[in-house]
PDB file of N, CA and C in Angstrom:
ATOM      1  N   MET A   1    -166.397  95.510  94.855  1.00  0.00           N
ATOM      2  CA  MET A   1    -166.562  96.770  95.127  1.00  0.00           C
ATOM      3  C   MET A   1    -168.176  96.700  95.700  1.00  0.00           C
ATOM      4  N   LEU A   2    -168.095  97.359  96.688  1.00  0.00           N
ATOM      5  CA  LEU A   2    -169.598  97.357  97.391  1.00  0.00           C
ATOM      6  C   LEU A   2    -170.293  98.753  97.827  1.00  0.00           C
ATOM      7  N   ILE A   3    -171.359  98.694  97.513  1.00  0.00           N
ATOM      8  CA  ILE A   3    -172.176  99.990  97.837  1.00  0.00           C
ATOM      9  C   ILE A   3    -173.313  99.566  98.845  1.00  0.00           C
ATOM     10  N   GLU A   4    -173.450 100.434  99.954  1.00  0.00           N
ATOM     11  CA  GLU A   4    -174.491 100.235 100.779  1.00  0.00           C
ATOM     12  C   GLU A   4    -175.910 100.716 100.298  1.00  0.00           C
ATOM     13  N   LEU A   5    -177.033  99.668 100.588  1.00  0.00           N
ATOM     14  CA  LEU A   5    -178.255 100.229 100.201  1.00  0.00           C
ATOM     15  C   LEU A   5    -179.279  99.764 101.055  1.00  0.00           C
ATOM     16  N   THR A   6    -180.392 100.443 101.059  1.00  0.00           N
ATOM     17  CA  THR A   6    -181.753  99.846 102.372  1.00  0.00           C
ATOM     18  C   THR A   6    -182.846  99.058 101.533  1.00  0.00           C
ATOM     19  N   ARG A   7    -182.743  97.977 102.253  1.00  0.00           N
ATOM     20  CA  ARG A   7    -183.836  97.123 101.864  1.00  0.00           C
ATOM     21  C   ARG A   7    -185.338  97.782 102.247  1.00  0.00           C
ATOM     22  N   ILE A   8    -186.393  97.471 101.720  1.00  0.00           N
ATOM     23  CA  ILE A   8    -187.611  98.110 102.109  1.00  0.00           C
ATOM     24  C   ILE A   8    -188.063  97.933 103.651  1.00  0.00           C
ATOM     25  N   ASP A   9    -187.447  96.875 104.282  1.00  0.00           N
ATOM     26  CA  ASP A   9    -187.785  96.741 105.682  1.00  0.00           C
ATOM     27  C   ASP A   9    -186.706  97.715 106.413  1.00  0.00           C
ATOM     28  N   GLY A  10    -186.025  98.422 105.919  1.00  0.00           N
ATOM     29  CA  GLY A  10    -185.009  99.225 106.823  1.00  0.00           C
ATOM     30  C   GLY A  10    -183.769  98.779 106.694  1.00  0.00           C
ATOM     31  N   SER A  11    -183.241  97.462 106.684  1.00  0.00           N
ATOM     32  CA  SER A  11    -182.159  96.645 106.898  1.00  0.00           C
ATOM     33  C   SER A  11    -181.074  97.052 105.747  1.00  0.00           C
ATOM     34  N   LYS A  12    -179.900  97.195 106.164  1.00  0.00           N
ATOM     35  CA  LYS A  12    -179.062  97.675 105.252  1.00  0.00           C
ATOM     36  C   LYS A  12    -178.317  96.305 104.472  1.00  0.00           C
ATOM     37  N   ILE A  13    -177.925  96.466 103.205  1.00  0.00           N
ATOM     38  CA  ILE A  13    -177.293  95.748 102.418  1.00  0.00           C
ATOM     39  C   ILE A  13    -176.294  96.131 101.679  1.00  0.00           C
ATOM     40  N   ASN A  14    -175.009  95.386 101.522  1.00  0.00           N
ATOM     41  CA  ASN A  14    -174.030  95.850 100.588  1.00  0.00           C
ATOM     42  C   ASN A  14    -173.753  94.843  99.692  1.00  0.00           C
ATOM     43  N   ILE A  15    -174.058  95.502  98.393  1.00  0.00           N
ATOM     44  CA  ILE A  15    -173.986  94.606  97.188  1.00  0.00           C
ATOM     45  C   ILE A  15    -172.697  94.987  96.294  1.00  0.00           C
ATOM     46  N   ASN A  16    -172.348  94.304  95.801  1.00  0.00           N
ATOM     47  CA  ASN A  16    -171.087  94.382  94.509  1.00  0.00           C
ATOM     48  C   ASN A  16    -171.728  94.915  93.508  1.00  0.00           C
ATOM     49  N   PHE A  17    -171.385  96.172  92.982  1.00  0.00           N
ATOM     50  CA  PHE A  17    -172.071  96.743  91.992  1.00  0.00           C
ATOM     51  C   PHE A  17    -171.674  96.390  90.544  1.00  0.00           C
ATOM     52  N   PHE A  18    -170.493  95.725  90.466  1.00  0.00           N
ATOM     53  CA  PHE A  18    -170.158  95.058  89.376  1.00  0.00           C
ATOM     54  C   PHE A  18    -170.935  93.930  89.019  1.00  0.00           C
ATOM     55  N   GLN A  19    -171.645  93.424  89.877  1.00  0.00           N
ATOM     56  CA  GLN A  19    -172.468  91.892  89.468  1.00  0.00           C
ATOM     57  C   GLN A  19    -174.002  92.695  89.342  1.00  0.00           C
ATOM     58  N   ILE A  20    -174.287  93.803  89.284  1.00  0.00           N
ATOM     59  CA  ILE A  20    -175.831  94.455  88.722  1.00  0.00           C
ATOM     60  C   ILE A  20    -175.882  94.109  87.505  1.00  0.00           C
ATOM     61  N   GLU A  21    -176.943  93.540  86.927  1.00  0.00           N
ATOM     62  CA  GLU A  21    -177.352  93.264  85.812  1.00  0.00           C
ATOM     63  C   GLU A  21    -178.067  94.510  85.184  1.00  0.00           C
ATOM     64  N   MET A  22    -179.275  94.854  86.204  1.00  0.00           N
ATOM     65  CA  MET A  22    -180.462  95.896  85.802  1.00  0.00           C
ATOM     66  C   MET A  22    -181.093  96.610  87.161  1.00  0.00           C
ATOM     67  N   VAL A  23    -181.435  97.844  86.958  1.00  0.00           N
ATOM     68  CA  VAL A  23    -182.028  98.351  87.968  1.00  0.00           C
ATOM     69  C   VAL A  23    -183.230  98.904  87.518  1.00  0.00           C
ATOM     70  N   GLU A  24    -184.255  98.516  88.052  1.00  0.00           N
ATOM     71  CA  GLU A  24    -185.636  98.982  87.652  1.00  0.00           C
ATOM     72  C   GLU A  24    -186.362  99.934  88.519  1.00  0.00           C
ATOM     73  N   ARG A  25    -186.969 100.923  88.124  1.00  0.00           N
ATOM     74  CA  ARG A  25    -188.023 101.618  89.185  1.00  0.00           C
ATOM     75  C   ARG A  25    -189.184 101.603  88.849  1.00  0.00           C
ATOM     76  N   LYS A  26    -189.772 100.761  90.146  1.00  0.00           N
ATOM     77  CA  LYS A  26    -191.234 100.430  90.192  1.00  0.00           C
ATOM     78  C   LYS A  26    -191.691 101.318  91.326  1.00  0.00           C
ATOM     79  N   THR A  27    -192.696 101.013  92.076  1.00  0.00           N
ATOM     80  CA  THR A  27    -192.873 101.315  93.508  1.00  0.00           C
ATOM     81  C   THR A  27    -191.746 101.827  94.173  1.00  0.00           C
ATOM     82  N   ASN A  28    -190.988 100.480  94.453  1.00  0.00           N
ATOM     83  CA  ASN A  28    -189.552 100.825  94.718  1.00  0.00           C
ATOM     84  C   ASN A  28    -188.474 100.436  93.971  1.00  0.00           C
ATOM     85  N   THR A  29    -187.109 100.347  94.194  1.00  0.00           N
ATOM     86  CA  THR A  29    -186.089 100.062  93.084  1.00  0.00           C
ATOM     87  C   THR A  29    -185.963  98.505  93.239  1.00  0.00           C
ATOM     88  N   VAL A  30    -186.028  97.897  91.982  1.00  0.00           N
ATOM     89  CA  VAL A  30    -185.555  96.518  91.775  1.00  0.00           C
ATOM     90  C   VAL A  30    -184.341  96.384  91.226  1.00  0.00           C
ATOM     91  N   ILE A  31    -183.423  95.707  91.993  1.00  0.00           N
ATOM     92  CA  ILE A  31    -181.899  95.368  91.365  1.00  0.00           C
ATOM     93  C   ILE A  31    -181.657  93.906  91.147  1.00  0.00           C
ATOM     94  N   ARG A  32    -181.433  93.623  89.919  1.00  0.00           N
ATOM     95  CA  ARG A  32    -181.374  92.383  89.463  1.00  0.00           C
ATOM     96  C   ARG A  32    -179.908  92.295  89.176  1.00  0.00           C
ATOM     97  N   MET A  33    -179.261  91.120  89.982  1.00  0.00           N
ATOM     98  CA  MET A  33    -177.865  90.950  89.944  1.00  0.00           C
ATOM     99  C   MET A  33    -177.677  89.861  88.450  1.00  0.00           C
ATOM    100  N   ILE A  34    -176.455  89.585  87.989  1.00  0.00           N
ATOM    101  CA  ILE A  34    -176.070  88.516  86.987  1.00  0.00           C
ATOM    102  C   ILE A  34    -176.539  87.071  87.359  1.00  0.00           C
ATOM    103  N   ASN A  35    -176.575  86.940  88.664  1.00  0.00           N
ATOM    104  CA  ASN A  35    -176.810  85.639  88.954  1.00  0.00           C
ATOM    105  C   ASN A  35    -178.166  85.563  88.989  1.00  0.00           C
ATOM    106  N   GLU A  36    -179.093  86.131  88.754  1.00  0.00           N
ATOM    107  CA  GLU A  36    -180.626  86.275  88.652  1.00  0.00           C
ATOM    108  C   GLU A  36    -181.338  86.321  89.950  1.00  0.00           C
ATOM    109  N   VAL A  37    -180.424  86.800  90.858  1.00  0.00           N
ATOM    110  CA  VAL A  37    -181.210  87.242  92.521  1.00  0.00           C
ATOM    111  C   VAL A  37    -181.485  88.698  92.055  1.00  0.00           C
ATOM    112  N   SER A  38    -182.563  88.882  92.932  1.00  0.00           N
ATOM    113  CA  SER A  38    -183.086  90.482  92.880  1.00  0.00           C
ATOM    114  C   SER A  38    -183.224  90.835  94.160  1.00  0.00           C
ATOM    115  N   TYR A  39    -183.119  92.241  94.436  1.00  0.00           N
ATOM    116  CA  TYR A  39    -183.197  92.898  95.791  1.00  0.00           C
ATOM    117  C   TYR A  39    -183.945  93.900  95.411  1.00  0.00           C
ATOM    118  N   ILE A  40    -184.847  94.179  96.525  1.00  0.00           N
ATOM    119  CA  ILE A  40    -186.043  95.684  96.492  1.00  0.00           C
ATOM    120  C   ILE A  40    -185.265  96.390  97.595  1.00  0.00           C
ATOM    121  N   VAL A  41    -184.939  97.636  97.001  1.00  0.00           N
ATOM    122  CA  VAL A  41    -184.298  99.040  97.963  1.00  0.00           C
ATOM    123  C   VAL A  41    -185.018 100.038  97.681  1.00  0.00           C
ATOM    124  N   THR A  42    -184.629 100.947  98.818  1.00  0.00           N
ATOM    125  CA  THR A  42    -185.774 102.305  98.800  1.00  0.00           C
ATOM    126  C   THR A  42    -185.019 103.417  98.069  1.00  0.00           C
ATOM    127  N   GLU A  43    -183.462 103.235  97.826  1.00  0.00           N
ATOM    128  CA  GLU A  43    -182.822 104.348  96.840  1.00  0.00           C
ATOM    129  C   GLU A  43    -183.500 104.366  95.386  1.00  0.00           C
ATOM    130  N   THR A  44    -183.435 105.517  94.753  1.00  0.00           N
ATOM    131  CA  THR A  44    -183.631 105.469  93.601  1.00  0.00           C
ATOM    132  C   THR A  44    -182.603 105.109  92.275  1.00  0.00           C
ATOM    133  N   PRO A  45    -182.971 104.783  91.231  1.00  0.00           N
ATOM    134  CA  PRO A  45    -181.658 104.388  90.283  1.00  0.00           C
ATOM    135  C   PRO A  45    -180.776 105.663  90.270  1.00  0.00           C
ATOM    136  N   THR A  46    -181.309 106.595  90.276  1.00  0.00           N
ATOM    137  CA  THR A  46    -180.340 107.742  90.326  1.00  0.00           C
ATOM    138  C   THR A  46    -179.309 107.945  91.389  1.00  0.00           C
ATOM    139  N   GLU A  47    -179.933 107.518  92.663  1.00  0.00           N
ATOM    140  CA  GLU A  47    -179.043 107.844  93.981  1.00  0.00           C
ATOM    141  C   GLU A  47    -177.897 106.553  93.825  1.00  0.00           C
ATOM    142  N   ILE A  48    -178.616 105.210  93.261  1.00  0.00           N
ATOM    143  CA  ILE A  48    -177.592 104.175  93.116  1.00  0.00           C
ATOM    144  C   ILE A  48    -176.516 104.421  92.113  1.00  0.00           C
ATOM    145  N   GLU A  49    -176.949 105.176  91.141  1.00  0.00           N
ATOM    146  CA  GLU A  49    -175.912 105.571  90.337  1.00  0.00           C
ATOM    147  C   GLU A  49    -174.758 106.467  90.991  1.00  0.00           C
ATOM    148  N   GLU A  50    -175.124 107.434  91.593  1.00  0.00           N
ATOM    149  CA  GLU A  50    -174.218 108.286  92.274  1.00  0.00           C
ATOM    150  C   GLU A  50    -173.525 107.480  93.414  1.00  0.00           C
ATOM    151  N   LYS A  51    -173.979 106.722  93.959  1.00  0.00           N
ATOM    152  CA  LYS A  51    -173.117 105.917  94.929  1.00  0.00           C
ATOM    153  C   LYS A  51    -172.218 105.152  94.122  1.00  0.00           C
ATOM    154  N   ILE A  52    -172.147 104.601  92.953  1.00  0.00           N
ATOM    155  CA  ILE A  52    -171.364 103.884  92.273  1.00  0.00           C
ATOM    156  C   ILE A  52    -170.269 104.700  91.781  1.00  0.00           C
ATOM    157  N   LYS A  53    -170.780 105.894  91.050  1.00  0.00           N
ATOM    158  CA  LYS A  53    -169.890 106.900  90.725  1.00  0.00           C
ATOM    159  C   LYS A  53    -168.981 107.417  92.094  1.00  0.00           C
ATOM    160  N   ASN A  54    -169.641 107.765  93.106  1.00  0.00           N
ATOM    161  CA  ASN A  54    -168.619 108.038  94.077  1.00  0.00           C
ATOM    162  C   ASN A  54    -167.560 106.997  94.491  1.00  0.00           C
ATOM    163  N   GLU A  55    -167.980 105.873  94.565  1.00  0.00           N
ATOM    164  CA  GLU A  55    -167.221 104.712  94.902  1.00  0.00           C
ATOM    165  C   GLU A  55    -165.994 104.372  93.922  1.00  0.00           C
ATOM    166  N   LEU A  56    -166.287 104.771  92.659  1.00  0.00           N
ATOM    167  CA  LEU A  56    -165.416 104.440  91.651  1.00  0.00           C
ATOM    168  C   LEU A  56    -164.548 105.624  91.595  1.00  0.00           C
ATOM    169  N   ARG A  57    -165.070 106.741  91.871  1.00  0.00           N
ATOM    170  CA  ARG A  57    -164.292 108.134  91.977  1.00  0.00           C
ATOM    171  C   ARG A  57    -163.145 108.187  93.095  1.00  0.00           C
ATOM    172  N   ASP A  58    -163.472 107.541  94.368  1.00  0.00           N
ATOM    173  CA  ASP A  58    -162.607 107.205  95.408  1.00  0.00           C
ATOM    174  C   ASP A  58    -161.518 106.583  95.017  1.00  0.00           C
ATOM    175  N   VAL A  59    -161.981 105.268  94.437  1.00  0.00           N
ATOM    176  CA  VAL A  59    -160.926 104.207  93.800  1.00  0.00           C
ATOM    177  C   VAL A  59    -159.865 104.871  93.051  1.00  0.00           C
ATOM    178  N   LEU A  60    -160.560 105.767  91.964  1.00  0.00           N
ATOM    179  CA  LEU A  60    -159.520 106.327  90.984  1.00  0.00           C
ATOM    180  C   LEU A  60    -158.564 107.327  91.689  1.00  0.00           C
ATOM    181  N   LYS A  61    -159.034 108.211  92.679  1.00  0.00           N
ATOM    182  CA  LYS A  61    -158.285 108.877  93.444  1.00  0.00           C
ATOM    183  C   LYS A  61    -157.257 108.262  94.032  1.00  0.00           C
ATOM    184  N   GLU A  62    -157.511 107.291  94.669  1.00  0.00           N
ATOM    185  CA  GLU A  62    -156.561 106.476  95.453  1.00  0.00           C
ATOM    186  C   GLU A  62    -155.434 105.975  94.819  1.00  0.00           C
ATOM    187  N   LEU A  63    -155.782 105.320  93.547  1.00  0.00           N
ATOM    188  CA  LEU A  63    -154.787 105.031  92.688  1.00  0.00           C
ATOM    189  C   LEU A  63    -153.868 105.900  91.896  1.00  0.00           C
ATOM    190  N   VAL A  64    -154.432 107.144  91.952  1.00  0.00           N
ATOM    191  CA  VAL A  64    -153.643 108.125  91.035  1.00  0.00           C
ATOM    192  C   VAL A  64    -152.878 109.159  92.066  1.00  0.00           C
ATOM    193  N   GLY A  65    -153.691 109.328  92.982  1.00  0.00           N
ATOM    194  CA  GLY A  65    -153.089 110.284  94.072  1.00  0.00           C
ATOM    195  C   GLY A  65    -152.627 109.671  95.384  1.00  0.00           C
ATOM    196  N   GLY A  66    -152.905 108.522  95.558  1.00  0.00           N
ATOM    197  CA  GLY A  66    -152.381 107.824  96.787  1.00  0.00           C
ATOM    198  C   GLY A  66    -150.895 107.123  96.573  1.00  0.00           C
ATOM    199  N   GLU A  67    -150.926 106.050  97.384  1.00  0.00           N
ATOM    200  CA  GLU A  67    -149.493 105.478  97.157  1.00  0.00           C
ATOM    201  C   GLU A  67    -149.148 104.900  96.062  1.00  0.00           C
ATOM    202  N   TYR A  68    -150.082 104.371  95.218  1.00  0.00           N
ATOM    203  CA  TYR A  68    -150.227 103.730  94.109  1.00  0.00           C
ATOM    204  C   TYR A  68    -149.743 104.703  92.788  1.00  0.00           C
ATOM    205  N   GLY A  69    -150.274 106.014  93.185  1.00  0.00           N
ATOM    206  CA  GLY A  69    -149.855 106.978  92.062  1.00  0.00           C
ATOM    207  C   GLY A  69    -148.574 108.036  92.210  1.00  0.00           C
ATOM    208  N   LYS A  70    -147.798 107.665  93.338  1.00  0.00           N
ATOM    209  CA  LYS A  70    -146.817 108.489  93.636  1.00  0.00           C
ATOM    210  C   LYS A  70    -145.513 107.748  92.725  1.00  0.00           C
ATOM    211  N   LYS A  71    -144.679 108.681  92.214  1.00  0.00           N
ATOM    212  CA  LYS A  71    -143.681 108.259  91.441  1.00  0.00           C
ATOM    213  C   LYS A  71    -142.584 107.766  92.550  1.00  0.00           C
ATOM    214  N   LYS A  72    -141.838 106.634  92.240  1.00  0.00           N
ATOM    215  CA  LYS A  72    -140.561 106.289  92.961  1.00  0.00           C
ATOM    216  C   LYS A  72    -139.269 107.028  92.524  1.00  0.00           C
ATOM    217  N   VAL A  73    -138.417 107.474  93.268  1.00  0.00           N
ATOM    218  CA  VAL A  73    -137.379 108.246  92.830  1.00  0.00           C
ATOM    219  C   VAL A  73    -136.204 107.554  92.988  1.00  0.00           C
TER     220      VAL A  73
END
């Protein structure tokens, strides 16, 4: 599951949020992945958390209310 974030140079990056180990706020936000790779992004930890929540919410809505959630008669 991917979320789109912005690197400090303005380029976009999509990361798998299940692979995030830690998010730390310094001057910019540093995201450390479970493979020990780090990314510096402009979004705050709160903004990243909201992006993750929104993505999970959309997936759950699809599972519950979409084709997967419909009962077969």
